[in-house]
């Protein structure tokens, strides 16, 4: 770049990373290069543009008005380059491209196999990575994943694009001996039984606390667990009651013996799964993948909820738009 009158795309990538970082050190870590390399690139860009672009002494880093202009152009050029490479790869591979997809455990447990069967024929290579929300989110932000099916829309990152997939209603799971009278309410349960809680560091744990605040109840928590399977075993043995979602219950019909699945506030509380990816990098693939996920949910998963609780098929459904809050 030093001896060229043109600005190289690699330099624009460095500048874009700086614009999204709090410091040059953080930008260097994201790019996997040294801080001195980042500093040198910014200096050369400022020489080419004859403008100061970055105020490096501020924390976090600030862009000058000239830097803001370059940021807009850099993002546009980088995105156009990515789309160009995708189109080239698609043509060279007969219209297909490799995909790396992340999927939260609760969806993968019931949809992962069908997903692989439906998507793999249209890709040159399909890699599926599962796990909890937080590490998968970081993998997407680190570009280790092309797209992610998640219960966290990651709203704090406007550079990401979101495709709503489904509504997954919350229910109460209660030891059968306490639910037989049919008069048990969440108010009574919160006052008379311990609450078996999802780990508060998990997305389901966070949403459980949010629901309790909405219902204006205090949860008498006696344990926090990482998995639905363990949570169901605790409820099944009479250790307490809890919240779960219809999707989470589908893989474990045997663990529902002795457990009553009850409506929670007439199905008003739900989590929403979305497909999240970086904007304008994968053409129409995100919408195609989202449609496949919606179809699997509607045709293969929701019908399995009916034996668990007949009213779930009215509360669990595919979506293409997020509901107004």
Protein backbone atom coordinates (compact mmCIF):
# COMPACT_ATOMS: atom_id res chain seq x y z
CA UNK A 1 0.00 0.00 0.00
CA UNK A 2 2.89 2.39 0.83
CA UNK A 3 4.00 2.68 -2.79
CA UNK A 4 0.52 2.64 -4.31
CA UNK A 5 -1.77 5.56 -5.03
CA UNK A 6 -4.76 3.31 -4.52
CA UNK A 7 -6.19 2.22 -1.17
CA UNK A 8 -6.13 -1.54 -0.77
CA UNK A 9 -9.11 -3.50 0.53
CA UNK A 10 -6.94 -4.97 3.28
CA UNK A 11 -6.35 -1.45 4.60
CA UNK A 12 -10.08 -0.76 4.57
CA UNK A 13 -10.64 -3.94 6.58
CA UNK A 14 -8.17 -2.71 9.18
CA UNK A 15 -9.89 0.68 9.30
CA UNK A 16 -13.33 -0.95 9.65
CA UNK A 17 -12.05 -3.04 12.58
CA UNK A 18 -10.64 0.11 14.23
CA UNK A 19 -13.98 1.88 13.75
CA UNK A 20 -15.75 -0.96 15.61
CA UNK A 21 -13.18 -1.23 18.42
CA UNK A 22 -12.45 0.71 21.59
CA UNK A 23 -8.71 0.78 21.03
CA UNK A 24 -6.04 -0.05 18.47
CA UNK A 25 -5.03 -3.00 20.62
CA UNK A 26 -8.56 -4.44 20.48
CA UNK A 27 -8.69 -3.95 16.71
CA UNK A 28 -5.34 -5.73 16.35
CA UNK A 29 -6.62 -8.67 18.43
CA UNK A 30 -9.72 -8.96 16.25
CA UNK A 31 -7.61 -8.99 13.11
CA UNK A 32 -4.86 -11.23 14.47
CA UNK A 33 -2.10 -8.73 13.67
CA UNK A 34 0.13 -6.47 15.73
CA UNK A 35 -0.89 -3.07 17.06
CA UNK A 36 2.02 -1.47 15.20
CA UNK A 37 0.65 -2.89 11.93
CA UNK A 38 -2.73 -1.33 12.67
CA UNK A 39 -1.13 2.03 13.55
CA UNK A 40 0.95 1.98 10.36
CA UNK A 41 -2.10 1.23 8.21
CA UNK A 42 -4.09 4.09 9.75
CA UNK A 43 -1.14 6.43 9.24
CA UNK A 44 -0.88 5.45 5.56
CA UNK A 45 -4.63 5.94 5.08
CA UNK A 46 -4.34 9.41 6.56
CA UNK A 47 -1.45 10.19 4.20
CA UNK A 48 -3.47 9.01 1.18
CA UNK A 49 -6.60 10.90 2.22
CA UNK A 50 -4.67 13.96 3.47
CA UNK A 51 -6.98 13.93 6.49
CA UNK A 52 -6.95 12.90 10.12
CA UNK A 53 -9.27 9.90 10.36
CA UNK A 54 -8.99 8.67 13.95
CA UNK A 55 -8.62 10.33 17.35
CA UNK A 56 -6.53 7.61 18.97
CA UNK A 57 -5.99 9.37 22.28
CA UNK A 58 -9.67 9.15 23.22
CA UNK A 59 -11.11 6.07 24.94
CA UNK A 60 -12.95 4.60 23.23
CA UNK A 61 -11.47 5.56 19.87
CA UNK A 62 -13.38 8.27 17.99
CA UNK A 63 -13.56 8.88 14.27
CA UNK A 64 -13.19 12.37 12.87
CA UNK A 65 -15.85 13.57 10.38
CA UNK A 66 -13.48 12.44 7.60
CA UNK A 67 -13.15 9.09 9.33
CA UNK A 68 -16.93 8.70 9.42
CA UNK A 69 -17.06 9.27 5.66
CA UNK A 70 -14.35 6.67 5.07
CA UNK A 71 -16.13 4.22 7.37
CA UNK A 72 -19.26 4.34 5.20
CA UNK A 73 -17.28 3.74 2.02
CA UNK A 74 -15.17 1.02 3.65
CA UNK A 75 -18.22 -0.94 4.83
CA UNK A 76 -19.82 -0.67 1.38
CA UNK A 77 -16.67 -1.81 -0.45
CA UNK A 78 -16.03 -4.68 1.97
CA UNK A 79 -19.62 -5.90 1.69
CA UNK A 80 -19.50 -5.67 -2.11
CA UNK A 81 -16.27 -7.68 -2.09
CA UNK A 82 -17.81 -10.37 0.10
CA UNK A 83 -20.88 -10.61 -2.14
CA UNK A 84 -18.59 -10.85 -5.17
CA UNK A 85 -16.65 -13.74 -3.65
CA UNK A 86 -19.87 -15.51 -2.64
CA UNK A 87 -21.25 -15.22 -6.18
CA UNK A 88 -17.98 -16.51 -7.65
CA UNK A 89 -17.95 -19.47 -5.25
CA UNK A 90 -21.58 -20.26 -6.02
CA UNK A 91 -20.89 -20.36 -9.76
CA UNK A 92 -17.74 -22.45 -9.38
CA UNK A 93 -19.54 -24.95 -7.15
CA UNK A 94 -22.69 -25.23 -9.24
CA UNK A 95 -24.62 -22.64 -7.25
CA UNK A 96 -23.66 -23.93 -3.80
CA UNK A 97 -21.35 -22.58 -1.12
CA UNK A 98 -19.93 -23.79 2.21
CA UNK A 99 -21.92 -22.82 5.31
CA UNK A 100 -21.06 -22.86 8.99
CA UNK A 101 -24.23 -22.66 11.08
CA UNK A 102 -24.61 -22.34 14.84
CA UNK A 103 -27.74 -23.59 16.60
CA UNK A 104 -28.73 -23.47 20.26
CA UNK A 105 -29.06 -26.88 21.89
CA UNK A 106 -32.80 -26.73 22.52
CA UNK A 107 -33.55 -26.29 18.81
CA UNK A 108 -30.84 -28.65 17.58
CA UNK A 109 -32.05 -31.44 19.87
CA UNK A 110 -35.33 -31.64 17.96
CA UNK A 111 -34.50 -30.10 14.57
CA UNK A 112 -30.78 -30.64 13.96
CA UNK A 113 -31.05 -33.86 11.97
CA UNK A 114 -33.89 -32.61 9.77
CA UNK A 115 -32.00 -29.36 9.25
CA UNK A 116 -28.88 -31.16 8.05
CA UNK A 117 -30.92 -33.36 5.70
CA UNK A 118 -32.72 -30.40 4.13
CA UNK A 119 -29.82 -27.94 3.87
CA UNK A 120 -26.80 -30.13 3.09
CA UNK A 121 -27.79 -30.94 -0.54
CA UNK A 122 -27.68 -27.22 -1.39
CA UNK A 123 -24.23 -26.52 0.06
CA UNK A 124 -20.73 -27.57 -0.93
CA UNK A 125 -20.04 -28.18 2.77
CA UNK A 126 -22.25 -27.78 5.84
CA UNK A 127 -20.87 -27.53 9.35
CA UNK A 128 -23.29 -27.43 12.30
CA UNK A 129 -22.13 -26.18 15.69
CA UNK A 130 -24.33 -26.41 18.78
CA UNK A 131 -24.18 -25.16 22.33
CA UNK A 132 -25.35 -22.38 24.63
CA UNK A 133 -26.28 -18.88 23.52
CA UNK A 134 -23.26 -16.91 24.77
CA UNK A 135 -20.41 -18.93 23.19
CA UNK A 136 -22.32 -19.26 19.93
CA UNK A 137 -22.93 -15.51 19.83
CA UNK A 138 -19.22 -14.87 20.30
CA UNK A 139 -18.42 -17.36 17.54
CA UNK A 140 -20.69 -15.44 15.16
CA UNK A 141 -19.13 -12.11 16.10
CA UNK A 142 -15.67 -13.64 15.60
CA UNK A 143 -16.69 -14.86 12.13
CA UNK A 144 -16.33 -18.49 13.12
CA UNK A 145 -19.98 -18.92 12.07
CA UNK A 146 -21.84 -17.66 9.00
CA UNK A 147 -25.22 -17.64 10.70
CA UNK A 148 -26.77 -18.52 14.04
CA UNK A 149 -30.18 -19.81 15.13
CA UNK A 150 -30.59 -18.33 18.60
CA UNK A 151 -33.03 -17.08 21.22
CA UNK A 152 -30.99 -13.88 21.62
CA UNK A 153 -31.50 -11.40 18.76
CA UNK A 154 -28.19 -9.70 19.70
CA UNK A 155 -29.79 -6.28 19.32
CA UNK A 156 -26.67 -4.44 20.47
CA UNK A 157 -24.99 -5.24 17.14
CA UNK A 158 -26.75 -3.25 14.40
CA UNK A 159 -24.38 -4.66 11.77
CA UNK A 160 -26.21 -7.98 12.05
CA UNK A 161 -29.34 -9.00 10.16
CA UNK A 162 -32.19 -10.93 11.79
CA UNK A 163 -34.77 -13.34 10.38
CA UNK A 164 -37.49 -14.31 12.90
CA UNK A 165 -38.22 -18.05 12.92
CA UNK A 166 -40.59 -19.14 15.67
CA UNK A 167 -42.49 -18.45 18.85
CA UNK A 168 -41.72 -20.84 21.72
CA UNK A 169 -44.19 -20.43 24.62
CA UNK A 170 -43.23 -20.74 28.27
CA UNK A 171 -45.15 -23.18 30.47
CA UNK A 172 -45.15 -24.22 34.10
CA UNK A 173 -43.85 -27.68 34.98
CA UNK A 174 -45.21 -28.90 38.30
CA UNK A 175 -45.00 -32.19 40.26
CA UNK A 176 -48.25 -34.00 39.49
CA UNK A 177 -49.24 -34.40 43.13
CA UNK A 178 -49.50 -30.62 43.49
CA UNK A 179 -51.38 -30.09 40.24
CA UNK A 180 -54.14 -32.69 40.62
CA UNK A 181 -56.63 -30.33 42.20
CA UNK A 182 -56.53 -28.12 39.11
CA UNK A 183 -56.52 -25.00 41.28
CA UNK A 184 -52.77 -24.50 41.41
CA UNK A 185 -51.63 -21.06 40.22
CA UNK A 186 -48.20 -19.50 39.84
CA UNK A 187 -49.03 -17.30 42.85
CA UNK A 188 -49.68 -20.38 45.01
CA UNK A 189 -46.64 -22.21 43.69
CA UNK A 190 -44.31 -19.26 44.33
CA UNK A 191 -45.42 -19.15 47.96
CA UNK A 192 -45.54 -22.86 48.70
CA UNK A 193 -42.92 -24.69 46.59
CA UNK A 194 -39.22 -24.19 45.82
CA UNK A 195 -38.45 -23.02 42.29
CA UNK A 196 -36.09 -25.07 40.12
CA UNK A 197 -34.29 -22.41 38.09
CA UNK A 198 -32.32 -22.49 34.86
CA UNK A 199 -28.80 -21.16 35.38
CA UNK A 200 -29.12 -17.39 35.62
CA UNK A 201 -26.17 -16.97 33.25
CA UNK A 202 -28.17 -18.69 30.50
CA UNK A 203 -30.75 -17.09 28.24
CA UNK A 204 -33.53 -19.28 29.68
CA UNK A 205 -32.48 -18.29 33.19
CA UNK A 206 -32.60 -14.60 32.31
CA UNK A 207 -36.03 -14.96 30.72
CA UNK A 208 -37.34 -16.90 33.75
CA UNK A 209 -36.45 -13.97 36.01
CA UNK A 210 -38.06 -11.56 33.56
CA UNK A 211 -41.29 -13.58 33.59
CA UNK A 212 -41.34 -13.62 37.40
CA UNK A 213 -41.09 -9.82 37.42
CA UNK A 214 -43.92 -9.56 34.90
CA UNK A 215 -46.08 -11.85 37.05
CA UNK A 216 -45.08 -9.93 40.19
CA UNK A 217 -43.99 -13.05 42.06
CA UNK A 218 -40.85 -13.91 44.02
CA UNK A 219 -39.19 -17.21 43.20
CA UNK A 220 -38.00 -19.34 46.10
CA UNK A 221 -34.97 -20.72 44.24
CA UNK A 222 -33.31 -23.80 45.75
CA UNK A 223 -31.11 -24.75 42.79
CA UNK A 224 -29.92 -23.54 39.39
CA UNK A 225 -29.42 -26.05 36.60
CA UNK A 226 -27.86 -25.94 33.14
CA UNK A 227 -30.09 -28.38 31.28
CA UNK A 228 -33.79 -29.04 30.76
CA UNK A 229 -33.16 -32.76 31.23
CA UNK A 230 -31.83 -32.22 34.76
CA UNK A 231 -34.49 -29.65 35.55
CA UNK A 232 -37.23 -32.11 34.60
CA UNK A 233 -35.71 -34.80 36.79
CA UNK A 234 -35.77 -32.45 39.77
CA UNK A 235 -39.42 -31.54 39.16
CA UNK A 236 -40.31 -35.18 38.50
CA UNK A 237 -38.87 -36.13 41.90
CA UNK A 238 -40.93 -33.45 43.64
CA UNK A 239 -38.06 -31.06 44.38
CA UNK A 240 -39.99 -28.05 43.14
CA UNK A 241 -41.65 -26.42 40.15
CA UNK A 242 -40.21 -24.45 37.24
CA UNK A 243 -40.59 -22.69 33.92
CA UNK A 244 -39.70 -24.31 30.59
CA UNK A 245 -40.73 -23.90 26.96
CA UNK A 246 -42.65 -26.21 24.68
CA UNK A 247 -39.59 -26.71 22.47
CA UNK A 248 -37.45 -27.69 25.47
CA UNK A 249 -39.92 -30.39 26.54
CA UNK A 250 -40.28 -32.19 23.20
CA UNK A 251 -37.10 -34.35 23.45
CA UNK A 252 -37.95 -35.72 26.92
CA UNK A 253 -41.42 -37.34 26.94
CA UNK A 254 -40.36 -39.98 29.52
CA UNK A 255 -39.26 -37.29 31.95
CA UNK A 256 -42.76 -35.83 31.84
CA UNK A 257 -44.21 -38.87 33.66
CA UNK A 258 -45.40 -37.52 37.00
CA UNK A 259 -45.04 -33.93 35.76
CA UNK A 260 -47.96 -31.65 34.95
CA UNK A 261 -47.44 -29.18 32.10
CA UNK A 262 -49.63 -26.17 32.83
CA UNK A 263 -50.42 -22.96 31.00
CA UNK A 264 -48.57 -19.89 32.18
CA UNK A 265 -50.62 -16.69 32.00
CA UNK A 266 -52.59 -18.07 29.03
CA UNK A 267 -49.45 -18.38 26.93
CA UNK A 268 -48.58 -14.68 27.13
CA UNK A 269 -44.88 -15.34 27.74
CA UNK A 270 -42.63 -16.80 25.06
CA UNK A 271 -39.13 -16.67 23.70
CA UNK A 272 -38.48 -16.06 20.02
CA UNK A 273 -35.87 -17.80 17.92
CA UNK A 274 -34.23 -15.87 15.10
CA UNK A 275 -31.61 -16.54 12.48
CA UNK A 276 -28.85 -13.96 12.82
CA UNK A 277 -26.08 -13.26 10.31
CA UNK A 278 -23.94 -10.42 9.01
CA UNK A 279 -25.69 -8.08 6.59
CA UNK A 280 -25.43 -8.52 2.84
CA UNK A 281 -22.86 -11.31 2.89
CA UNK A 282 -24.86 -14.41 1.97
CA UNK A 283 -27.31 -13.26 -0.66
CA UNK A 284 -30.72 -14.91 -0.30
CA UNK A 285 -29.35 -17.84 1.72
CA UNK A 286 -30.39 -16.53 5.18
CA UNK A 287 -34.03 -16.25 4.12
CA UNK A 288 -33.92 -19.74 2.58
CA UNK A 289 -32.42 -21.21 5.76
CA UNK A 290 -34.96 -19.36 7.92
CA UNK A 291 -37.80 -20.76 5.80
CA UNK A 292 -36.42 -24.29 6.23
CA UNK A 293 -36.33 -23.79 10.01
CA UNK A 294 -39.90 -22.45 10.02
CA UNK A 295 -41.09 -25.44 7.99
CA UNK A 296 -39.41 -27.95 10.32
CA UNK A 297 -40.96 -26.24 13.34
CA UNK A 298 -44.47 -26.11 11.87
CA UNK A 299 -44.61 -29.56 10.27
CA UNK A 300 -42.47 -31.71 12.55
CA UNK A 301 -41.99 -30.11 15.97
CA UNK A 302 -45.26 -28.38 16.89
CA UNK A 303 -47.28 -31.61 16.26
CA UNK A 304 -45.08 -33.33 18.87
CA UNK A 305 -46.17 -30.73 21.43
CA UNK A 306 -49.85 -31.71 21.20
CA UNK A 307 -49.48 -34.93 23.23
CA UNK A 308 -47.62 -32.92 25.87
CA UNK A 309 -50.32 -30.25 26.15
CA UNK A 310 -53.06 -29.81 23.49
CA UNK A 311 -53.16 -26.03 23.87
CA UNK A 312 -49.50 -25.66 22.88
CA UNK A 313 -50.28 -25.95 19.18
CA UNK A 314 -52.16 -22.64 19.47
CA UNK A 315 -49.29 -20.89 21.23
CA UNK A 316 -46.31 -22.31 19.31
CA UNK A 317 -45.98 -21.24 15.67
CA UNK A 318 -43.57 -20.04 13.02
CA UNK A 319 -43.13 -16.29 12.54
CA UNK A 320 -41.61 -14.07 9.86
CA UNK A 321 -41.85 -10.81 11.85
CA UNK A 322 -41.06 -10.11 15.49
CA UNK A 323 -44.12 -9.09 17.51
CA UNK A 324 -44.47 -5.47 18.58
CA UNK A 325 -43.34 -4.94 22.17
